[in-house]
Structure formats: C-alpha cells, structure tokens
Amino acid sequence: MKTSMIKKIAICISASAMLTSFSATMASAASVGGNYAKVSNSASVVSKANKSKIAAKTAAAAKADAAAAKANAGKAAYWITIPGTFTMYQQEKDNYCCDACIKSVLMYTVNTSPSQATIHSNINLDFSKIPAYVNARESQCYYVLVNGPSKSTLTSHIKSDCQTWKVPAFLRIYNTSGSNWYYATAGHCIIANGVMSDDSQIQLSDPLGGRVSGCPYFYKKNTSIVSGITTHMCW
C-alpha cells in the first residue's frame, strides 16, 4: 500500500479539534454505483452459543447507554471515540469497500490483516459476512450484524463499541440520490469511530476518501442523516 493511499487520524487529539464542523451537503454528488456492498441471507443462521453472545452484548450496551445518559444529564455534549490512532485504508478497487474497511479494523485491533484482494475473495461484497470474518481474526470485540438499526440503536451501539470494546463499527449505507453526502451509492461500507454524547453527530471514516473527488477520509455528519441511509450495521 502506498503512503499516499493511507491516512491517519488521532482520535483523541483535543476537544476543540473534535468540535470542528464538517460540510454536510455537496452541491453535486459523484456517482459510485459500481462500488457497492450487498447483503445476503448467508449469515441468517446463528448458533445457540452465538445467540447467547449477541444477547449478552446487546444487554450490556443497553445498560451502559442508560448509565451514560444518567451521568451526562445536564453536561455539555462531547465526543465519544475509539482510543489512539485509526488508519483508514483507501479501497483498492471500486467494489472493495467492505474489504478496505475490514483491513482498517483488523490493523487497528490486531495490527495484521489479509490483503484487500484476499478479503474480497472471501467476502465477495457481502456485508453480512463481515462479523464472522472479523470475529475469526480478532477477539477484542464480538461483532454482531443488525438489520435496519433505528437511530437510537445506531448511536447506542456505536457508543458501546467505542467505550466498552474500544473498536469502531461497520455501517452499510444506501443513498442513490447522493443527498447530504459526498456521492450517490446503491450500497457502500464505511466505518463509524465516534459519536457525540448527545447523539447529535457521528464521526465516520470512508474507504472512498481521496478516491472520489471531494470526499475526505474522515468526516462528521448529523446523526439523522446517517441514520436515514444506514441499512445495516456490524457492531
């Protein structure tokens, strides 16, 4: 991977930096229809042991979210992010969005990852295969697939990943109009590595950064916008 294709962000650099605003609307969205992440039913069968893990993780997230809400009542909003430095790898091909995101997460959690081409040969654009693939290669977090997350579920799970498991979450977005985004897409995989304590904004990392004109590697969007185009999440 060339250095120019890799960008790094210090997640916890300063409060003022975290409050920097990002443009939420592009005058003319680029189309990246060739770049997509599909979802199949390949991960629909879940073992009894894994169902138990999913239930335990979901319950822990709800408990932590309730405790945080109580502790933050009346306080000024602040960013909740994963610790340290996260490297977002640019996708090497138009349809390597899932693969670039998986590599980015594995390099963050265990500092090693198969190539994007190798990942692609296993994932084959299927967002629903991400949990099993990543879980088999790292133990810091047990990733879980969620279909059609609500706005509150989206922010709650991102908070849980950032605070409890110290990992980012995967999002599958669908936005064929390109409204309030940097491009139009019929399916794309991005990373969420932070959320405001009041659930107002989400911090994102995008494998299309530098690949699509005007699209940065890292940006922040209002939660209502992100929620409106997120069809699935892996948290």
C-alpha atoms as a PDB file:
ATOM      1  CA  MET A   1       0.000   0.000   0.000  1.00  0.00           C
ATOM      2  CA  LYS A   2       1.461   3.403  -0.982  1.00  0.00           C
ATOM      3  CA  THR A   3       1.750   6.025   1.707  1.00  0.00           C
ATOM      4  CA  SER A   4      -0.448   8.390  -0.306  1.00  0.00           C
ATOM      5  CA  MET A   5      -3.276   5.880  -0.028  1.00  0.00           C
ATOM      6  CA  ILE A   6      -3.207   5.761   3.720  1.00  0.00           C
ATOM      7  CA  LYS A   7      -4.458   8.474   6.030  1.00  0.00           C
ATOM      8  CA  LYS A   8      -4.294   8.516   9.791  1.00  0.00           C
ATOM      9  CA  ILE A   9      -6.343  10.342  12.352  1.00  0.00           C
ATOM     10  CA  ALA A  10      -5.576  10.831  16.028  1.00  0.00           C
ATOM     11  CA  ILE A  11      -8.978  10.072  17.511  1.00  0.00           C
ATOM     12  CA  CYS A  12      -8.470  11.859  20.814  1.00  0.00           C
ATOM     13  CA  ILE A  13      -6.368  14.881  19.919  1.00  0.00           C
ATOM     14  CA  SER A  14      -8.212  17.773  21.542  1.00  0.00           C
ATOM     15  CA  ALA A  15     -11.714  18.855  22.439  1.00  0.00           C
ATOM     16  CA  SER A  16     -11.561  21.808  20.054  1.00  0.00           C
ATOM     17  CA  ALA A  17     -10.468  19.614  17.145  1.00  0.00           C
ATOM     18  CA  MET A  18     -13.305  17.193  17.813  1.00  0.00           C
ATOM     19  CA  LEU A  19     -15.815  20.030  17.589  1.00  0.00           C
ATOM     20  CA  THR A  20     -14.680  21.090  14.119  1.00  0.00           C
ATOM     21  CA  SER A  21     -17.681  21.215  11.840  1.00  0.00           C
ATOM     22  CA  PHE A  22     -17.817  19.456   8.500  1.00  0.00           C
ATOM     23  CA  SER A  23     -19.938  20.358   5.476  1.00  0.00           C
ATOM     24  CA  ALA A  24     -22.993  18.111   5.353  1.00  0.00           C
ATOM     25  CA  THR A  25     -24.192  18.854   1.823  1.00  0.00           C
ATOM     26  CA  MET A  26     -22.467  18.547  -1.537  1.00  0.00           C
ATOM     27  CA  ALA A  27     -23.742  20.665  -4.421  1.00  0.00           C
ATOM     28  CA  SER A  28     -23.327  17.800  -6.864  1.00  0.00           C
ATOM     29  CA  ALA A  29     -22.809  14.244  -5.636  1.00  0.00           C
ATOM     30  CA  ALA A  30     -20.500  11.934  -7.540  1.00  0.00           C
ATOM     31  CA  SER A  31     -21.919   8.565  -8.521  1.00  0.00           C
ATOM     32  CA  VAL A  32     -20.129   5.446  -7.335  1.00  0.00           C
ATOM     33  CA  GLY A  33     -22.710   2.933  -8.415  1.00  0.00           C
ATOM     34  CA  GLY A  34     -20.014   0.417  -9.249  1.00  0.00           C
ATOM     35  CA  ASN A  35     -18.895   0.437  -5.647  1.00  0.00           C
ATOM     36  CA  TYR A  36     -21.388  -1.454  -3.540  1.00  0.00           C
ATOM     37  CA  ALA A  37     -21.916  -3.725  -0.575  1.00  0.00           C
ATOM     38  CA  LYS A  38     -24.753  -6.198  -0.893  1.00  0.00           C
ATOM     39  CA  VAL A  39     -26.431  -8.160   1.884  1.00  0.00           C
ATOM     40  CA  SER A  40     -27.376 -11.798   1.512  1.00  0.00           C
ATOM     41  CA  ASN A  41     -29.002 -14.286   3.849  1.00  0.00           C
ATOM     42  CA  SER A  42     -25.726 -16.158   4.293  1.00  0.00           C
ATOM     43  CA  ALA A  43     -25.453 -15.105   7.939  1.00  0.00           C
ATOM     44  CA  SER A  44     -29.094 -15.656   8.836  1.00  0.00           C
ATOM     45  CA  VAL A  45     -28.459 -18.934  10.681  1.00  0.00           C
ATOM     46  CA  VAL A  46     -26.993 -18.218  14.106  1.00  0.00           C
ATOM     47  CA  SER A  47     -25.867 -20.917  16.512  1.00  0.00           C
ATOM     48  CA  LYS A  48     -27.253 -21.148  20.042  1.00  0.00           C
ATOM     49  CA  ALA A  49     -23.875 -20.149  21.507  1.00  0.00           C
ATOM     50  CA  ASN A  50     -23.639 -17.114  19.248  1.00  0.00           C
ATOM     51  CA  LYS A  51     -27.218 -16.104  20.042  1.00  0.00           C
ATOM     52  CA  SER A  52     -26.193 -16.047  23.686  1.00  0.00           C
ATOM     53  CA  LYS A  53     -23.195 -13.827  22.885  1.00  0.00           C
ATOM     54  CA  ILE A  54     -25.392 -11.482  20.869  1.00  0.00           C
ATOM     55  CA  ALA A  55     -27.965 -11.220  23.651  1.00  0.00           C
ATOM     56  CA  ALA A  56     -25.265 -10.562  26.258  1.00  0.00           C
ATOM     57  CA  LYS A  57     -23.627  -7.864  24.152  1.00  0.00           C
ATOM     58  CA  THR A  58     -26.932  -6.156  23.399  1.00  0.00           C
ATOM     59  CA  ALA A  59     -27.924  -6.174  27.078  1.00  0.00           C
ATOM     60  CA  ALA A  60     -24.537  -4.769  28.106  1.00  0.00           C
ATOM     61  CA  ALA A  61     -24.863  -1.983  25.537  1.00  0.00           C
ATOM     62  CA  ALA A  62     -28.310  -1.014  26.814  1.00  0.00           C
ATOM     63  CA  LYS A  63     -27.074  -0.969  30.413  1.00  0.00           C
ATOM     64  CA  ALA A  64     -24.018   1.112  29.568  1.00  0.00           C
ATOM     65  CA  ASP A  65     -26.082   3.528  27.482  1.00  0.00           C
ATOM     66  CA  ALA A  66     -28.537   4.075  30.333  1.00  0.00           C
ATOM     67  CA  ALA A  67     -25.700   4.689  32.790  1.00  0.00           C
ATOM     68  CA  ALA A  68     -24.012   7.140  30.432  1.00  0.00           C
ATOM     69  CA  ALA A  69     -27.248   9.044  29.843  1.00  0.00           C
ATOM     70  CA  LYS A  70     -27.705   9.428  33.593  1.00  0.00           C
ATOM     71  CA  ALA A  71     -24.102  10.515  34.142  1.00  0.00           C
ATOM     72  CA  ASN A  72     -24.181  13.015  31.286  1.00  0.00           C
ATOM     73  CA  ALA A  73     -27.506  14.619  32.174  1.00  0.00           C
ATOM     74  CA  GLY A  74     -27.068  18.386  32.203  1.00  0.00           C
ATOM     75  CA  LYS A  75     -23.491  18.256  30.890  1.00  0.00           C
ATOM     76  CA  ALA A  76     -22.235  19.790  27.682  1.00  0.00           C
ATOM     77  CA  ALA A  77     -22.053  17.309  24.795  1.00  0.00           C
ATOM     78  CA  TYR A  78     -18.674  15.761  23.988  1.00  0.00           C
ATOM     79  CA  TRP A  79     -17.216  13.250  21.565  1.00  0.00           C
ATOM     80  CA  ILE A  80     -17.069   9.553  22.459  1.00  0.00           C
ATOM     81  CA  THR A  81     -14.447   7.931  20.218  1.00  0.00           C
ATOM     82  CA  ILE A  82     -12.196   4.917  19.968  1.00  0.00           C
ATOM     83  CA  PRO A  83      -8.797   5.494  21.595  1.00  0.00           C
ATOM     84  CA  GLY A  84      -5.486   6.027  19.860  1.00  0.00           C
ATOM     85  CA  THR A  85      -4.837   6.333  16.142  1.00  0.00           C
ATOM     86  CA  PHE A  86      -7.019   4.743  13.467  1.00  0.00           C
ATOM     87  CA  THR A  87      -5.741   4.237   9.916  1.00  0.00           C
ATOM     88  CA  MET A  88      -8.351   4.308   7.154  1.00  0.00           C
ATOM     89  CA  TYR A  89      -7.159   2.345   4.144  1.00  0.00           C
ATOM     90  CA  GLN A  90      -8.417   3.518   0.781  1.00  0.00           C
ATOM     91  CA  GLN A  91     -10.211   0.806  -1.159  1.00  0.00           C
ATOM     92  CA  GLU A  92      -8.027  -0.511  -3.966  1.00  0.00           C
ATOM     93  CA  LYS A  93     -10.892  -1.184  -6.397  1.00  0.00           C
ATOM     94  CA  ASP A  94     -14.391   0.219  -6.923  1.00  0.00           C
ATOM     95  CA  ASN A  95     -16.033  -2.780  -5.236  1.00  0.00           C
ATOM     96  CA  TYR A  96     -13.525  -3.222  -2.380  1.00  0.00           C
ATOM     97  CA  CYS A  97     -15.310  -1.061   0.189  1.00  0.00           C
ATOM     98  CA  CYS A  98     -16.025  -3.910   2.638  1.00  0.00           C
ATOM     99  CA  ASP A  99     -12.509  -5.213   2.195  1.00  0.00           C
ATOM    100  CA  ALA A 100     -10.835  -1.886   2.906  1.00  0.00           C
ATOM    101  CA  CYS A 101     -12.993  -1.393   5.998  1.00  0.00           C
ATOM    102  CA  ILE A 102     -12.197  -4.879   7.297  1.00  0.00           C
ATOM    103  CA  LYS A 103      -8.483  -4.322   6.754  1.00  0.00           C
ATOM    104  CA  SER A 104      -8.672  -0.971   8.558  1.00  0.00           C
ATOM    105  CA  VAL A 105     -10.388  -2.521  11.592  1.00  0.00           C
ATOM    106  CA  LEU A 106      -8.064  -5.538  11.764  1.00  0.00           C
ATOM    107  CA  MET A 107      -4.988  -3.342  11.503  1.00  0.00           C
ATOM    108  CA  TYR A 108      -6.368  -1.259  14.381  1.00  0.00           C
ATOM    109  CA  THR A 109      -7.288  -4.187  16.628  1.00  0.00           C
ATOM    110  CA  VAL A 110      -4.564  -6.775  15.935  1.00  0.00           C
ATOM    111  CA  ASN A 111      -2.106  -4.910  13.682  1.00  0.00           C
ATOM    112  CA  THR A 112      -2.281  -7.523  10.936  1.00  0.00           C
ATOM    113  CA  SER A 113      -4.679  -8.209   8.085  1.00  0.00           C
ATOM    114  CA  PRO A 114      -5.019 -10.183   4.845  1.00  0.00           C
ATOM    115  CA  SER A 115      -4.777  -8.127   1.663  1.00  0.00           C
ATOM    116  CA  GLN A 116      -7.900  -6.450   0.322  1.00  0.00           C
ATOM    117  CA  ALA A 117      -7.884  -8.910  -2.587  1.00  0.00           C
ATOM    118  CA  THR A 118      -7.783 -11.877  -0.201  1.00  0.00           C
ATOM    119  CA  ILE A 119     -10.571 -10.443   1.928  1.00  0.00           C
ATOM    120  CA  HIS A 120     -12.622  -9.806  -1.197  1.00  0.00           C
ATOM    121  CA  SER A 121     -12.295 -13.428  -2.292  1.00  0.00           C
ATOM    122  CA  ASN A 122     -13.973 -14.436   0.981  1.00  0.00           C
ATOM    123  CA  ILE A 123     -16.483 -11.613   1.477  1.00  0.00           C
ATOM    124  CA  ASN A 124     -17.436 -11.064  -2.177  1.00  0.00           C
ATOM    125  CA  LEU A 125     -19.256  -7.772  -1.473  1.00  0.00           C
ATOM    126  CA  ASP A 126     -21.464  -9.390   1.186  1.00  0.00           C
ATOM    127  CA  PHE A 127     -21.762  -7.076   4.203  1.00  0.00           C
ATOM    128  CA  SER A 128     -23.477  -9.837   6.203  1.00  0.00           C
ATOM    129  CA  LYS A 129     -20.256 -11.892   6.130  1.00  0.00           C
ATOM    130  CA  ILE A 130     -18.234  -9.222   7.949  1.00  0.00           C
ATOM    131  CA  PRO A 131     -18.991 -10.314  11.562  1.00  0.00           C
ATOM    132  CA  ALA A 132     -17.860 -13.916  11.134  1.00  0.00           C
ATOM    133  CA  TYR A 133     -14.806 -12.931   9.115  1.00  0.00           C
ATOM    134  CA  VAL A 134     -13.602 -10.339  11.615  1.00  0.00           C
ATOM    135  CA  ASN A 135     -14.537 -12.381  14.705  1.00  0.00           C
ATOM    136  CA  ALA A 136     -12.371 -15.233  13.428  1.00  0.00           C
ATOM    137  CA  ARG A 137      -9.349 -12.913  13.320  1.00  0.00           C
ATOM    138  CA  GLU A 138      -9.624 -10.801  16.464  1.00  0.00           C
ATOM    139  CA  SER A 139     -11.029 -11.253  19.963  1.00  0.00           C
ATOM    140  CA  GLN A 140     -11.206  -7.678  21.191  1.00  0.00           C
ATOM    141  CA  CYS A 141     -14.863  -7.431  20.185  1.00  0.00           C
ATOM    142  CA  TYR A 142     -17.545  -9.938  19.199  1.00  0.00           C
ATOM    143  CA  TYR A 143     -19.089  -8.253  16.165  1.00  0.00           C
ATOM    144  CA  VAL A 144     -22.829  -8.572  15.582  1.00  0.00           C
ATOM    145  CA  LEU A 145     -24.928  -7.866  12.480  1.00  0.00           C
ATOM    146  CA  VAL A 146     -28.011  -5.637  12.856  1.00  0.00           C
ATOM    147  CA  ASN A 147     -30.572  -5.152  10.072  1.00  0.00           C
ATOM    148  CA  GLY A 148     -32.268  -1.766   9.781  1.00  0.00           C
ATOM    149  CA  PRO A 149     -30.957  -0.177  13.003  1.00  0.00           C
ATOM    150  CA  SER A 150     -33.093   2.631  14.411  1.00  0.00           C
ATOM    151  CA  LYS A 151     -31.497   5.977  15.157  1.00  0.00           C
ATOM    152  CA  SER A 152     -31.249   5.188  18.876  1.00  0.00           C
ATOM    153  CA  THR A 153     -29.864   1.699  18.217  1.00  0.00           C
ATOM    154  CA  LEU A 154     -27.281   3.148  15.846  1.00  0.00           C
ATOM    155  CA  THR A 155     -25.902   5.629  18.367  1.00  0.00           C
ATOM    156  CA  SER A 156     -26.176   3.249  21.314  1.00  0.00           C
ATOM    157  CA  HIS A 157     -24.183   0.530  19.556  1.00  0.00           C
ATOM    158  CA  ILE A 158     -21.503   2.945  18.320  1.00  0.00           C
ATOM    159  CA  LYS A 159     -21.105   4.242  21.878  1.00  0.00           C
ATOM    160  CA  SER A 160     -20.839   0.712  23.205  1.00  0.00           C
ATOM    161  CA  ASP A 161     -18.164  -0.211  20.675  1.00  0.00           C
ATOM    162  CA  CYS A 162     -16.154   2.932  21.390  1.00  0.00           C
ATOM    163  CA  GLN A 163     -16.427   2.871  25.179  1.00  0.00           C
ATOM    164  CA  THR A 164     -16.611  -0.791  26.126  1.00  0.00           C
ATOM    165  CA  TRP A 165     -14.879  -2.676  23.320  1.00  0.00           C
ATOM    166  CA  LYS A 166     -12.605   0.121  22.056  1.00  0.00           C
ATOM    167  CA  VAL A 167     -13.355  -0.669  18.410  1.00  0.00           C
ATOM    168  CA  PRO A 168     -15.151   1.056  15.518  1.00  0.00           C
ATOM    169  CA  ALA A 169     -18.404  -0.139  13.937  1.00  0.00           C
ATOM    170  CA  PHE A 170     -19.158  -1.005  10.298  1.00  0.00           C
ATOM    171  CA  LEU A 171     -22.088   0.690   8.536  1.00  0.00           C
ATOM    172  CA  ARG A 172     -23.744  -0.238   5.250  1.00  0.00           C
ATOM    173  CA  ILE A 173     -25.247   2.857   3.632  1.00  0.00           C
ATOM    174  CA  TYR A 174     -27.657   3.214   0.710  1.00  0.00           C
ATOM    175  CA  ASN A 175     -28.126   6.654  -0.848  1.00  0.00           C
ATOM    176  CA  THR A 176     -28.892   6.600  -4.565  1.00  0.00           C
ATOM    177  CA  SER A 177     -29.686  10.320  -4.663  1.00  0.00           C
ATOM    178  CA  GLY A 178     -26.435  11.389  -3.011  1.00  0.00           C
ATOM    179  CA  SER A 179     -28.433  13.819  -0.859  1.00  0.00           C
ATOM    180  CA  ASN A 180     -26.420  15.310   2.027  1.00  0.00           C
ATOM    181  CA  TRP A 181     -23.450  13.118   1.127  1.00  0.00           C
ATOM    182  CA  TYR A 182     -20.293  13.149  -0.980  1.00  0.00           C
ATOM    183  CA  TYR A 183     -21.514  10.652  -3.556  1.00  0.00           C
ATOM    184  CA  ALA A 184     -24.531   8.597  -4.631  1.00  0.00           C
ATOM    185  CA  THR A 185     -24.394   4.865  -3.998  1.00  0.00           C
ATOM    186  CA  ALA A 186     -26.585   1.777  -4.194  1.00  0.00           C
ATOM    187  CA  GLY A 187     -24.635   0.244  -1.302  1.00  0.00           C
ATOM    188  CA  HIS A 188     -21.364   1.129   0.394  1.00  0.00           C
ATOM    189  CA  CYS A 189     -19.451   0.171   3.544  1.00  0.00           C
ATOM    190  CA  ILE A 190     -17.972   2.822   5.863  1.00  0.00           C
ATOM    191  CA  ILE A 191     -16.671   2.945   9.435  1.00  0.00           C
ATOM    192  CA  ALA A 192     -18.135   4.771  12.471  1.00  0.00           C
ATOM    193  CA  ASN A 193     -15.485   5.520  15.091  1.00  0.00           C
ATOM    194  CA  GLY A 194     -17.176   8.131  17.222  1.00  0.00           C
ATOM    195  CA  VAL A 195     -20.467   9.701  18.299  1.00  0.00           C
ATOM    196  CA  MET A 196     -21.450  12.801  20.265  1.00  0.00           C
ATOM    197  CA  SER A 197     -22.636  12.078  23.802  1.00  0.00           C
ATOM    198  CA  ASP A 198     -25.955  13.745  22.964  1.00  0.00           C
ATOM    199  CA  ASP A 199     -26.308  11.548  19.828  1.00  0.00           C
ATOM    200  CA  SER A 200     -26.305  14.595  17.547  1.00  0.00           C
ATOM    201  CA  GLN A 201     -23.379  13.661  15.280  1.00  0.00           C
ATOM    202  CA  ILE A 202     -21.425  10.614  14.168  1.00  0.00           C
ATOM    203  CA  GLN A 203     -17.751  10.534  13.222  1.00  0.00           C
ATOM    204  CA  LEU A 204     -17.063   8.474  10.082  1.00  0.00           C
ATOM    205  CA  SER A 205     -14.134   7.006   8.147  1.00  0.00           C
ATOM    206  CA  ASP A 206     -14.586   6.300   4.441  1.00  0.00           C
ATOM    207  CA  PRO A 207     -12.555   3.999   2.141  1.00  0.00           C
ATOM    208  CA  LEU A 208     -13.580   6.285  -0.751  1.00  0.00           C
ATOM    209  CA  GLY A 209     -11.569   9.114   0.801  1.00  0.00           C
ATOM    210  CA  GLY A 210      -9.344  10.577  -1.903  1.00  0.00           C
ATOM    211  CA  ARG A 211     -10.839   8.179  -4.449  1.00  0.00           C
ATOM    212  CA  VAL A 212     -13.978  10.212  -5.089  1.00  0.00           C
ATOM    213  CA  SER A 213     -13.423  13.905  -5.719  1.00  0.00           C
ATOM    214  CA  GLY A 214     -14.301  15.993  -2.668  1.00  0.00           C
ATOM    215  CA  CYS A 215     -14.718  13.009  -0.357  1.00  0.00           C
ATOM    216  CA  PRO A 216     -12.406  13.086   2.683  1.00  0.00           C
ATOM    217  CA  TYR A 217     -11.155  10.045   4.568  1.00  0.00           C
ATOM    218  CA  PHE A 218     -12.684  11.335   7.812  1.00  0.00           C
ATOM    219  CA  TYR A 219     -15.777  13.468   8.340  1.00  0.00           C
ATOM    220  CA  LYS A 220     -18.696  14.085  10.677  1.00  0.00           C
ATOM    221  CA  LYS A 221     -22.392  14.033   9.832  1.00  0.00           C
ATOM    222  CA  ASN A 222     -25.602  14.756  11.702  1.00  0.00           C
ATOM    223  CA  THR A 223     -26.954  11.519  13.145  1.00  0.00           C
ATOM    224  CA  SER A 224     -30.334  11.980  11.467  1.00  0.00           C
ATOM    225  CA  ILE A 225     -28.601  11.983   8.064  1.00  0.00           C
ATOM    226  CA  VAL A 226     -26.504   8.892   8.824  1.00  0.00           C
ATOM    227  CA  SER A 227     -29.463   7.037  10.292  1.00  0.00           C
ATOM    228  CA  GLY A 228     -31.568   7.825   7.243  1.00  0.00           C
ATOM    229  CA  ILE A 229     -29.214   5.992   4.881  1.00  0.00           C
ATOM    230  CA  THR A 230     -27.868   3.178   7.122  1.00  0.00           C
ATOM    231  CA  THR A 231     -29.487  -0.129   6.177  1.00  0.00           C
ATOM    232  CA  HIS A 232     -27.273  -2.433   8.274  1.00  0.00           C
ATOM    233  CA  MET A 233     -24.542  -2.217  10.867  1.00  0.00           C
ATOM    234  CA  CYS A 234     -21.897  -4.559  12.222  1.00  0.00           C
ATOM    235  CA  TRP A 235     -21.019  -3.546  15.775  1.00  0.00           C
END
